[in-house]
Amino acid sequence: MPVSWSQAVLLFAAGILGGLTGSIAGLASVATYPALLAVGLPPITANVTNTVALVFNGIGSVVGSRPELAGQGASLRRVLPVAALGGVAGAALLLSTPAEGFERLVPLLLGFAAVAILIPVRPTRYSRVSNHNRHTAKVAAQAVAIFAICIYGGYFGAAAGVLLLALLLRVGDERLAHANAAKNVILGVANGVAALIFAVIAPVQWGAVAALGLGCLLGARLGPVIVRHAPVRPMRFAIGLAGLALAVKLGWDAYR
């Protein structure tokens, strides 16, 4: 299906909004996926096209997050293989299973994540000084959680960033900007692997990818700059409330 100029403009604008919200709070698909449906793509085609276009969201987010990524190389290298495997598993699920199960689970996960972001983190003595066994268990649990989130990210991904941001803030003792930067890299890898699979074997609409992806690239480049300079508490509050609102909306759609 060719993309008209008016549709391209709509997708470009949705991409800017999606890139901006995605790089800040992981809510890119909330703007981009409905835009693809609005221009007439069927749900599966819209979903795989959205995943491929969001590769540009990952690129813009990572480029914009370079100052916060300094010093995080070692920790990211440990989890990126897990993220890639999660993206592969999510892509396989999308192409082989119905969506109803995920649709019913996601509102609950998203609501939990939004509440976790809203609750202040209280550092404890054990979060700074821990024995080797406790640290190993914490790293393993974090890897399992990241794997599960990246499965969802490869499958559909709406608000996967909220889930991952909540995890990093609760277990990583990181500031919002640094956790957001790590989130952008991890989800970028999971989404990129899934997109590569879809590009080969799924019905991607490449005209829509071009318009949406360009908007995502521009919007995502600006998002980390906003997080870097915005007050932390209001930003966490805004992300948490956005996540709760989306959880209610997805829950209404899934359970009514």
Protein backbone atom coordinates (compact mmCIF):
# COMPACT_ATOMS: atom_id res chain seq x y z
CA MET A 1 0.00 0.00 0.00
CA PRO A 2 1.59 3.31 -1.05
CA VAL A 3 1.80 6.11 1.52
CA SER A 4 0.28 9.42 0.42
CA TRP A 5 1.82 12.79 1.29
CA SER A 6 -0.88 13.50 3.86
CA GLN A 7 -0.31 10.12 5.48
CA ALA A 8 3.44 10.69 5.45
CA VAL A 9 2.98 14.02 7.25
CA LEU A 10 0.75 12.36 9.85
CA LEU A 11 3.28 9.58 10.40
CA PHE A 12 6.17 12.04 10.60
CA ALA A 13 4.36 14.08 13.27
CA ALA A 14 3.45 10.91 15.18
CA GLY A 15 7.08 9.85 14.95
CA ILE A 16 8.29 13.09 16.52
CA LEU A 17 5.81 12.69 19.38
CA GLY A 18 6.63 9.00 19.73
CA GLY A 19 10.38 9.60 19.68
CA LEU A 20 10.08 12.31 22.30
CA THR A 21 7.87 10.32 24.67
CA GLY A 22 9.73 7.10 23.96
CA SER A 23 13.15 8.47 24.82
CA ILE A 24 11.77 10.06 28.00
CA ALA A 25 9.33 7.47 29.29
CA GLY A 26 9.25 4.50 26.91
CA LEU A 27 5.82 5.41 25.54
CA ALA A 28 6.70 5.70 21.85
CA SER A 29 4.24 3.07 20.60
CA VAL A 30 1.36 4.88 22.26
CA ALA A 31 1.76 7.58 19.60
CA THR A 32 3.18 5.63 16.66
CA TYR A 33 1.09 2.44 16.57
CA PRO A 34 -2.32 4.20 16.44
CA ALA A 35 -0.98 6.45 13.65
CA LEU A 36 -0.15 3.36 11.57
CA LEU A 37 -3.64 2.00 12.14
CA ALA A 38 -5.08 5.41 11.19
CA VAL A 39 -3.44 5.32 7.74
CA GLY A 40 -5.04 1.95 7.04
CA LEU A 41 -2.47 -0.70 7.98
CA PRO A 42 -3.88 -3.94 9.45
CA PRO A 43 -2.83 -4.68 13.05
CA ILE A 44 -0.04 -7.20 12.38
CA THR A 45 1.45 -5.10 9.58
CA ALA A 46 1.18 -2.00 11.77
CA ASN A 47 2.90 -3.77 14.65
CA VAL A 48 5.89 -5.03 12.67
CA THR A 49 6.19 -1.72 10.78
CA ASN A 50 6.13 0.09 14.10
CA THR A 51 8.92 -2.09 15.47
CA VAL A 52 11.14 -1.43 12.46
CA ALA A 53 10.49 2.33 12.56
CA LEU A 54 11.33 2.45 16.26
CA VAL A 55 14.89 1.42 15.44
CA PHE A 56 15.36 5.11 14.65
CA ASN A 57 13.91 5.96 18.05
CA GLY A 58 16.65 3.84 19.61
CA ILE A 59 19.36 5.51 17.55
CA GLY A 60 18.22 9.03 18.45
CA SER A 61 17.79 8.15 22.11
CA VAL A 62 21.26 6.64 22.45
CA VAL A 63 22.93 9.53 20.64
CA GLY A 64 21.16 11.99 22.91
CA SER A 65 22.04 9.99 26.03
CA ARG A 66 25.82 9.81 25.50
CA PRO A 67 26.77 11.94 28.56
CA GLU A 68 24.70 9.72 30.87
CA LEU A 69 26.05 6.51 29.31
CA ALA A 70 29.63 7.33 30.31
CA GLY A 71 30.73 4.73 32.85
CA GLN A 72 27.81 2.35 32.20
CA GLY A 73 29.59 0.23 29.58
CA ALA A 74 30.43 -2.72 31.83
CA SER A 75 26.94 -3.08 33.29
CA LEU A 76 25.28 -2.72 29.88
CA ARG A 77 27.53 -5.32 28.27
CA ARG A 78 26.30 -7.85 30.85
CA VAL A 79 22.63 -7.38 30.02
CA LEU A 80 22.63 -6.61 26.28
CA PRO A 81 22.86 -10.30 25.25
CA VAL A 82 19.85 -10.96 27.48
CA ALA A 83 18.02 -8.04 25.84
CA ALA A 84 18.82 -9.39 22.37
CA LEU A 85 17.50 -12.85 23.26
CA GLY A 86 14.35 -11.26 24.66
CA GLY A 87 13.83 -9.36 21.40
CA VAL A 88 14.17 -12.58 19.41
CA ALA A 89 11.68 -14.37 21.67
CA GLY A 90 9.21 -11.48 21.45
CA ALA A 91 9.38 -11.42 17.65
CA ALA A 92 8.80 -15.18 17.53
CA LEU A 93 5.78 -14.83 19.85
CA LEU A 94 4.25 -12.12 17.69
CA LEU A 95 4.54 -14.23 14.56
CA SER A 96 3.24 -17.44 16.13
CA THR A 97 0.74 -16.70 18.92
CA PRO A 98 -2.48 -14.70 19.45
CA ALA A 99 -2.26 -11.40 21.30
CA GLU A 100 -5.00 -11.87 23.89
CA GLY A 101 -2.79 -13.19 26.69
CA PHE A 102 -0.31 -10.32 26.52
CA GLU A 103 -3.10 -7.78 26.17
CA ARG A 104 -4.58 -8.90 29.51
CA LEU A 105 -1.26 -9.05 31.35
CA VAL A 106 0.26 -5.77 30.20
CA PRO A 107 -2.13 -3.38 32.06
CA LEU A 108 -1.26 -5.07 35.36
CA LEU A 109 2.48 -4.94 34.71
CA LEU A 110 2.30 -1.36 33.55
CA GLY A 111 0.28 -0.23 36.56
CA PHE A 112 2.78 -1.89 38.89
CA ALA A 113 5.68 -0.23 37.08
CA ALA A 114 4.06 3.20 37.19
CA VAL A 115 3.51 2.91 40.95
CA ALA A 116 7.13 1.78 41.37
CA ILE A 117 8.30 4.92 39.57
CA LEU A 118 6.09 7.15 41.73
CA ILE A 119 7.33 5.69 45.03
CA PRO A 120 10.61 7.36 46.08
CA VAL A 121 13.66 5.14 46.27
CA ARG A 122 15.15 5.01 49.77
CA PRO A 123 18.78 3.91 49.62
CA THR A 124 19.75 1.53 52.38
CA ARG A 125 23.03 0.37 53.78
CA TYR A 126 22.59 -2.92 51.95
CA SER A 127 22.11 -1.24 48.59
CA ARG A 128 25.61 0.19 48.94
CA VAL A 129 27.43 -2.62 50.76
CA SER A 130 26.40 -6.17 50.04
CA ASN A 131 28.07 -9.54 50.12
CA HIS A 132 28.94 -11.46 46.98
CA ASN A 133 25.99 -13.87 47.16
CA ARG A 134 23.46 -11.06 47.54
CA HIS A 135 25.01 -9.18 44.63
CA THR A 136 24.99 -12.28 42.42
CA ALA A 137 21.33 -12.97 43.21
CA LYS A 138 20.43 -9.36 42.50
CA VAL A 139 22.20 -9.40 39.12
CA ALA A 140 20.51 -12.69 38.16
CA ALA A 141 17.05 -11.43 39.14
CA GLN A 142 17.62 -8.22 37.22
CA ALA A 143 18.68 -10.18 34.12
CA VAL A 144 15.53 -12.35 34.28
CA ALA A 145 13.34 -9.26 34.62
CA ILE A 146 15.09 -7.53 31.71
CA PHE A 147 14.67 -10.65 29.59
CA ALA A 148 10.92 -10.71 30.29
CA ILE A 149 10.51 -7.00 29.54
CA CYS A 150 12.48 -7.34 26.30
CA ILE A 151 10.26 -10.23 25.22
CA TYR A 152 7.34 -7.85 25.53
CA GLY A 153 9.40 -5.14 23.81
CA GLY A 154 9.99 -7.40 20.80
CA TYR A 155 6.36 -8.54 20.83
CA PHE A 156 4.68 -5.15 20.95
CA GLY A 157 6.46 -2.80 23.30
CA ALA A 158 3.88 -0.18 24.28
CA ALA A 159 5.23 1.12 27.62
CA ALA A 160 8.01 -1.49 27.79
CA GLY A 161 10.23 1.47 28.62
CA VAL A 162 8.12 2.32 31.67
CA LEU A 163 8.54 -1.23 32.94
CA LEU A 164 12.29 -1.19 32.36
CA LEU A 165 12.76 2.31 33.79
CA ALA A 166 10.94 1.28 36.95
CA LEU A 167 13.17 -1.78 37.27
CA LEU A 168 16.39 0.19 36.81
CA LEU A 169 15.32 2.86 39.27
CA ARG A 170 14.33 0.33 41.95
CA VAL A 171 17.29 -2.05 41.77
CA GLY A 172 20.08 0.00 40.22
CA ASP A 173 20.36 2.95 42.64
CA GLU A 174 20.60 5.20 39.58
CA ARG A 175 19.44 8.72 38.96
CA LEU A 176 16.57 9.20 36.52
CA ALA A 177 18.70 10.49 33.63
CA HIS A 178 21.22 7.62 33.92
CA ALA A 179 18.50 4.98 34.28
CA ASN A 180 16.71 6.48 31.29
CA ALA A 181 19.89 6.32 29.20
CA ALA A 182 20.43 2.65 30.09
CA LYS A 183 16.79 1.96 29.29
CA ASN A 184 17.22 3.48 25.84
CA VAL A 185 20.20 1.25 25.04
CA ILE A 186 18.66 -1.97 26.36
CA LEU A 187 15.32 -1.53 24.61
CA GLY A 188 17.08 -0.29 21.49
CA VAL A 189 18.93 -3.60 21.24
CA ALA A 190 15.82 -5.70 21.89
CA ASN A 191 13.78 -3.70 19.39
CA GLY A 192 16.59 -3.75 16.81
CA VAL A 193 16.90 -7.54 16.89
CA ALA A 194 13.14 -7.97 16.56
CA ALA A 195 13.08 -5.42 13.72
CA LEU A 196 15.78 -7.36 11.85
CA ILE A 197 13.64 -10.50 11.99
CA PHE A 198 10.53 -8.64 10.87
CA ALA A 199 12.42 -6.98 8.00
CA VAL A 200 13.24 -10.42 6.59
CA ILE A 201 10.05 -12.43 7.13
CA ALA A 202 7.18 -10.08 8.06
CA PRO A 203 4.95 -7.71 6.03
CA VAL A 204 6.76 -4.43 6.77
CA GLN A 205 5.36 -1.29 5.06
CA TRP A 206 8.60 0.47 4.14
CA GLY A 207 7.04 3.76 3.04
CA ALA A 208 5.49 4.13 6.48
CA VAL A 209 8.81 3.17 8.09
CA ALA A 210 10.57 6.02 6.27
CA ALA A 211 8.12 8.73 7.37
CA LEU A 212 7.63 7.43 10.91
CA GLY A 213 11.29 6.61 11.44
CA LEU A 214 12.49 10.08 10.47
CA GLY A 215 10.10 11.65 12.97
CA CYS A 216 11.21 9.19 15.65
CA LEU A 217 14.86 10.04 15.03
CA LEU A 218 14.25 13.76 15.54
CA GLY A 219 11.99 13.39 18.56
CA ALA A 220 14.19 10.81 20.29
CA ARG A 221 17.24 13.02 19.95
CA LEU A 222 15.53 15.72 22.03
CA GLY A 223 14.10 13.48 24.78
CA PRO A 224 17.32 12.80 26.77
CA VAL A 225 18.13 16.52 26.72
CA ILE A 226 14.80 17.22 28.41
CA VAL A 227 15.40 14.51 31.02
CA ARG A 228 18.91 15.86 31.65
CA HIS A 229 17.69 19.36 32.50
CA ALA A 230 14.21 18.77 33.92
CA PRO A 231 13.61 18.57 37.70
CA VAL A 232 13.76 14.91 38.71
CA ARG A 233 10.71 14.67 40.97
CA PRO A 234 8.24 16.33 38.58
CA MET A 235 9.61 14.25 35.72
CA ARG A 236 9.21 10.99 37.65
CA PHE A 237 5.72 12.09 38.68
CA ALA A 238 4.77 12.85 35.07
CA ILE A 239 6.14 9.50 33.82
CA GLY A 240 4.37 7.61 36.60
CA LEU A 241 1.03 9.32 35.94
CA ALA A 242 1.36 8.72 32.19
CA GLY A 243 2.02 5.05 32.89
CA LEU A 244 -1.01 4.78 35.18
CA ALA A 245 -3.23 6.49 32.61
CA LEU A 246 -2.03 4.10 29.91
CA ALA A 247 -2.54 1.10 32.22
CA VAL A 248 -6.16 2.15 32.78
CA LYS A 249 -6.70 2.62 29.03
CA LEU A 250 -5.14 -0.74 28.10
CA GLY A 251 -7.02 -2.45 30.94
CA TRP A 252 -10.31 -1.01 29.70
CA ASP A 253 -9.59 -2.22 26.17
CA ALA A 254 -8.50 -5.69 27.32
CA TYR A 255 -11.18 -6.49 29.94
CA ARG A 256 -14.37 -4.72 28.83
